[in-house]
N, C-alpha and C. Protein backbone atom coordinates (compact mmCIF):
# COMPACT_ATOMS: atom_id res chain seq x y z
N UNK A 1 17.80 6.47 -6.67
CA UNK A 1 17.11 6.61 -7.82
C UNK A 1 17.47 6.07 -9.29
N UNK A 2 18.98 6.67 -9.47
CA UNK A 2 19.68 6.26 -10.67
C UNK A 2 19.84 4.44 -10.78
N UNK A 3 19.45 3.84 -9.94
CA UNK A 3 19.45 2.50 -10.35
C UNK A 3 18.45 2.02 -10.24
N UNK A 4 17.36 2.61 -9.61
CA UNK A 4 15.85 2.27 -10.42
C UNK A 4 15.70 2.70 -11.71
N UNK A 5 15.83 3.98 -11.69
CA UNK A 5 15.70 4.16 -13.60
C UNK A 5 16.21 3.37 -14.34
N UNK A 6 17.64 2.50 -14.28
CA UNK A 6 18.02 2.02 -15.08
C UNK A 6 17.55 0.68 -14.73
N UNK A 7 17.13 0.40 -13.69
CA UNK A 7 16.33 -1.04 -14.14
C UNK A 7 14.72 -1.04 -14.54
N UNK A 8 14.60 0.11 -14.51
CA UNK A 8 12.99 0.03 -15.15
C UNK A 8 12.99 0.48 -16.39
N UNK A 9 14.34 0.90 -16.95
CA UNK A 9 14.55 0.88 -18.29
C UNK A 9 14.19 2.46 -19.13
N UNK A 10 14.30 3.26 -18.05
CA UNK A 10 13.76 4.66 -18.53
C UNK A 10 14.71 5.53 -17.50
N UNK A 11 14.93 6.68 -18.08
CA UNK A 11 16.11 7.82 -17.99
C UNK A 11 15.94 8.16 -16.53
N UNK A 12 16.71 8.85 -15.70
CA UNK A 12 17.40 9.58 -14.42
C UNK A 12 15.88 10.52 -14.73
N UNK A 13 16.29 11.64 -15.74
CA UNK A 13 15.47 12.77 -15.87
C UNK A 13 14.01 12.26 -16.00
N UNK A 14 13.66 11.38 -16.62
CA UNK A 14 12.32 11.06 -16.86
C UNK A 14 11.64 10.61 -15.57
N UNK A 15 12.20 9.69 -14.41
CA UNK A 15 12.02 9.66 -13.33
C UNK A 15 12.00 10.53 -12.32
N UNK A 16 12.84 11.86 -12.73
CA UNK A 16 12.91 12.79 -11.63
C UNK A 16 11.98 13.90 -11.72
N UNK A 17 11.24 13.51 -12.99
CA UNK A 17 10.23 14.61 -13.63
C UNK A 17 8.90 14.03 -12.97
N UNK A 18 8.58 12.93 -12.75
CA UNK A 18 7.46 13.10 -12.16
C UNK A 18 7.73 12.52 -10.62
N UNK A 19 8.58 12.09 -9.95
CA UNK A 19 9.19 12.08 -8.63
C UNK A 19 10.43 12.50 -7.90
N UNK A 20 10.48 14.28 -7.87
CA UNK A 20 11.45 14.67 -7.38
C UNK A 20 12.37 14.23 -6.51
N UNK A 21 11.62 13.29 -5.52
CA UNK A 21 12.60 13.07 -4.30
C UNK A 21 12.51 10.99 -4.49
N UNK A 22 12.95 10.84 -3.50
CA UNK A 22 12.81 9.34 -3.15
C UNK A 22 11.23 8.94 -2.32
N UNK A 23 10.98 9.94 -1.64
CA UNK A 23 10.34 9.76 -0.63
C UNK A 23 8.91 10.21 -1.14
N UNK A 24 8.80 11.07 -2.05
CA UNK A 24 7.75 11.32 -3.01
C UNK A 24 6.85 10.17 -3.67
N UNK A 25 8.35 8.95 -4.46
CA UNK A 25 8.53 8.03 -5.05
C UNK A 25 7.61 6.95 -4.23
N UNK A 26 8.35 7.11 -3.07
CA UNK A 26 7.44 5.51 -2.16
C UNK A 26 6.14 6.06 -1.88
N UNK A 27 6.32 7.14 -1.39
CA UNK A 27 4.43 7.48 -1.23
C UNK A 27 3.92 7.53 -2.56
N UNK A 28 4.09 7.66 -3.43
CA UNK A 28 3.04 7.53 -4.69
C UNK A 28 3.08 5.58 -4.92
N UNK A 29 4.27 5.15 -4.66
CA UNK A 29 4.30 3.56 -4.68
C UNK A 29 3.35 2.98 -3.32
N UNK A 30 2.77 3.68 -2.72
CA UNK A 30 2.16 3.08 -1.16
C UNK A 30 0.93 3.52 -1.67
N UNK A 31 0.56 4.59 -1.98
CA UNK A 31 -0.79 4.91 -2.40
C UNK A 31 -1.52 3.83 -3.69
N UNK A 32 -0.14 3.65 -4.39
CA UNK A 32 -0.85 2.67 -5.98
C UNK A 32 -1.39 1.47 -5.13
N UNK A 33 -0.08 0.99 -3.84
CA UNK A 33 0.04 -0.60 -3.78
C UNK A 33 -1.51 -0.77 -3.02
N UNK A 34 -1.78 0.99 -1.94
CA UNK A 34 -3.22 0.62 -1.45
C UNK A 34 -4.31 0.41 -1.98
N UNK A 35 -4.08 0.89 -3.14
CA UNK A 35 -5.70 1.14 -4.15
C UNK A 35 -5.92 0.13 -4.83
N UNK A 36 -4.57 -0.60 -5.13
CA UNK A 36 -5.05 -1.98 -5.55
C UNK A 36 -5.60 -3.09 -4.64
N UNK A 37 -5.16 -2.98 -3.41
CA UNK A 37 -5.62 -3.69 -2.30
C UNK A 37 -6.85 -3.22 -2.13
N UNK A 38 -7.42 -2.45 -2.06
CA UNK A 38 -8.55 -2.13 -2.09
C UNK A 38 -9.54 -2.33 -2.96
N UNK A 39 -9.22 -2.16 -4.00
CA UNK A 39 -10.01 -2.84 -5.66
C UNK A 39 -9.86 -4.34 -5.64
N UNK A 40 -9.38 -4.90 -4.48
CA UNK A 40 -9.22 -6.56 -4.85
C UNK A 40 -10.14 -6.88 -3.65
N UNK A 41 -10.20 -6.05 -2.03
CA UNK A 41 -10.49 -6.31 -1.93
C UNK A 41 -12.32 -6.21 -1.73
N UNK A 42 -12.43 -5.04 -2.44
CA UNK A 42 -14.08 -4.99 -2.61
C UNK A 42 -14.68 -5.51 -3.72
N UNK A 43 -13.89 -6.26 -4.52
CA UNK A 43 -14.18 -7.60 -5.52
C UNK A 43 -14.80 -9.00 -4.37
N UNK A 44 -14.20 -8.81 -3.37
CA UNK A 44 -14.53 -9.91 -2.71
C UNK A 44 -15.96 -10.34 -1.94
N UNK A 45 -15.86 -11.54 -1.95
CA UNK A 45 -17.19 -11.66 -1.12
C UNK A 45 -17.16 -11.45 0.22
N UNK A 46 -17.91 -11.53 1.28
CA UNK A 46 -17.92 -12.02 2.73
C UNK A 46 -17.06 -12.94 3.21
N UNK A 47 -17.30 -14.27 2.61
CA UNK A 47 -16.84 -15.20 2.81
C UNK A 47 -15.72 -15.62 2.43
N UNK A 48 -15.23 -14.83 1.01
CA UNK A 48 -13.64 -14.87 0.55
C UNK A 48 -13.05 -14.03 1.65
N UNK A 49 -13.30 -13.06 2.41
CA UNK A 49 -12.35 -11.89 3.08
C UNK A 49 -11.66 -12.85 3.96
N UNK A 50 -10.32 -12.97 4.65
CA UNK A 50 -9.84 -13.11 5.33
C UNK A 50 -10.29 -12.90 6.78
N UNK A 51 -10.32 -13.22 8.07
CA UNK A 51 -10.82 -12.59 9.28
C UNK A 51 -10.31 -11.67 9.76
N UNK A 52 -11.23 -10.78 10.34
CA UNK A 52 -10.30 -9.36 10.58
C UNK A 52 -10.05 -9.85 12.22
N UNK A 53 -9.24 -9.10 12.85
CA UNK A 53 -8.74 -8.94 14.54
C UNK A 53 -9.99 -8.81 14.91
N UNK A 54 -10.59 -8.17 14.76
CA UNK A 54 -12.14 -7.99 15.61
C UNK A 54 -12.70 -9.17 15.84
N UNK A 55 -13.11 -9.22 16.91
CA UNK A 55 -13.73 -10.09 17.53
C UNK A 55 -12.40 -11.84 18.05
N UNK A 56 -11.02 -11.57 17.49
CA UNK A 56 -10.40 -12.75 17.45
C UNK A 56 -9.17 -12.59 18.59
N UNK A 57 -9.37 -11.17 19.07
CA UNK A 57 -8.97 -10.70 19.86
C UNK A 57 -9.03 -10.54 21.60
N UNK A 58 -9.25 -11.32 22.61
CA UNK A 58 -9.75 -11.05 23.65
C UNK A 58 -9.77 -10.13 24.35
N UNK A 59 -10.86 -9.57 24.87
CA UNK A 59 -10.83 -7.78 25.26
C UNK A 59 -11.06 -8.00 26.54
N UNK A 60 -10.42 -7.25 27.12
CA UNK A 60 -10.82 -7.23 28.99
C UNK A 60 -11.68 -6.10 28.70
N UNK A 61 -12.64 -5.94 29.84
CA UNK A 61 -13.67 -4.79 29.98
C UNK A 61 -13.00 -3.59 30.49
N UNK A 62 -13.41 -2.47 29.47
CA UNK A 62 -12.65 -0.93 29.73
C UNK A 62 -11.91 -1.17 28.85
N UNK A 63 -11.68 -1.99 28.02
CA UNK A 63 -10.36 -1.76 26.68
C UNK A 63 -10.88 -1.76 25.78
N UNK A 64 -11.82 -0.71 24.98
CA UNK A 64 -11.96 -0.68 23.75
C UNK A 64 -10.96 -0.02 22.57
N UNK A 65 -10.12 -0.57 22.81
CA UNK A 65 -8.82 -0.13 21.71
C UNK A 65 -7.67 -1.24 21.21
N UNK A 66 -8.36 -1.32 19.87
CA UNK A 66 -7.39 -2.39 19.03
C UNK A 66 -7.31 -2.14 17.83
């Protein structure tokens, strides 16, 4: 975390105030990235969205897990 704080231009104490562990910071980063993705996804029209795997993968009868 020390090198991240240095690269971000903040003190280690400031970083540790908000994120007590490396895992807490990664969890928050993951939530932020997913939130940004969701915002972008919601602004896209159906024709702009990439195709989903649903319907692209051939299903055998009796296998409803994808």
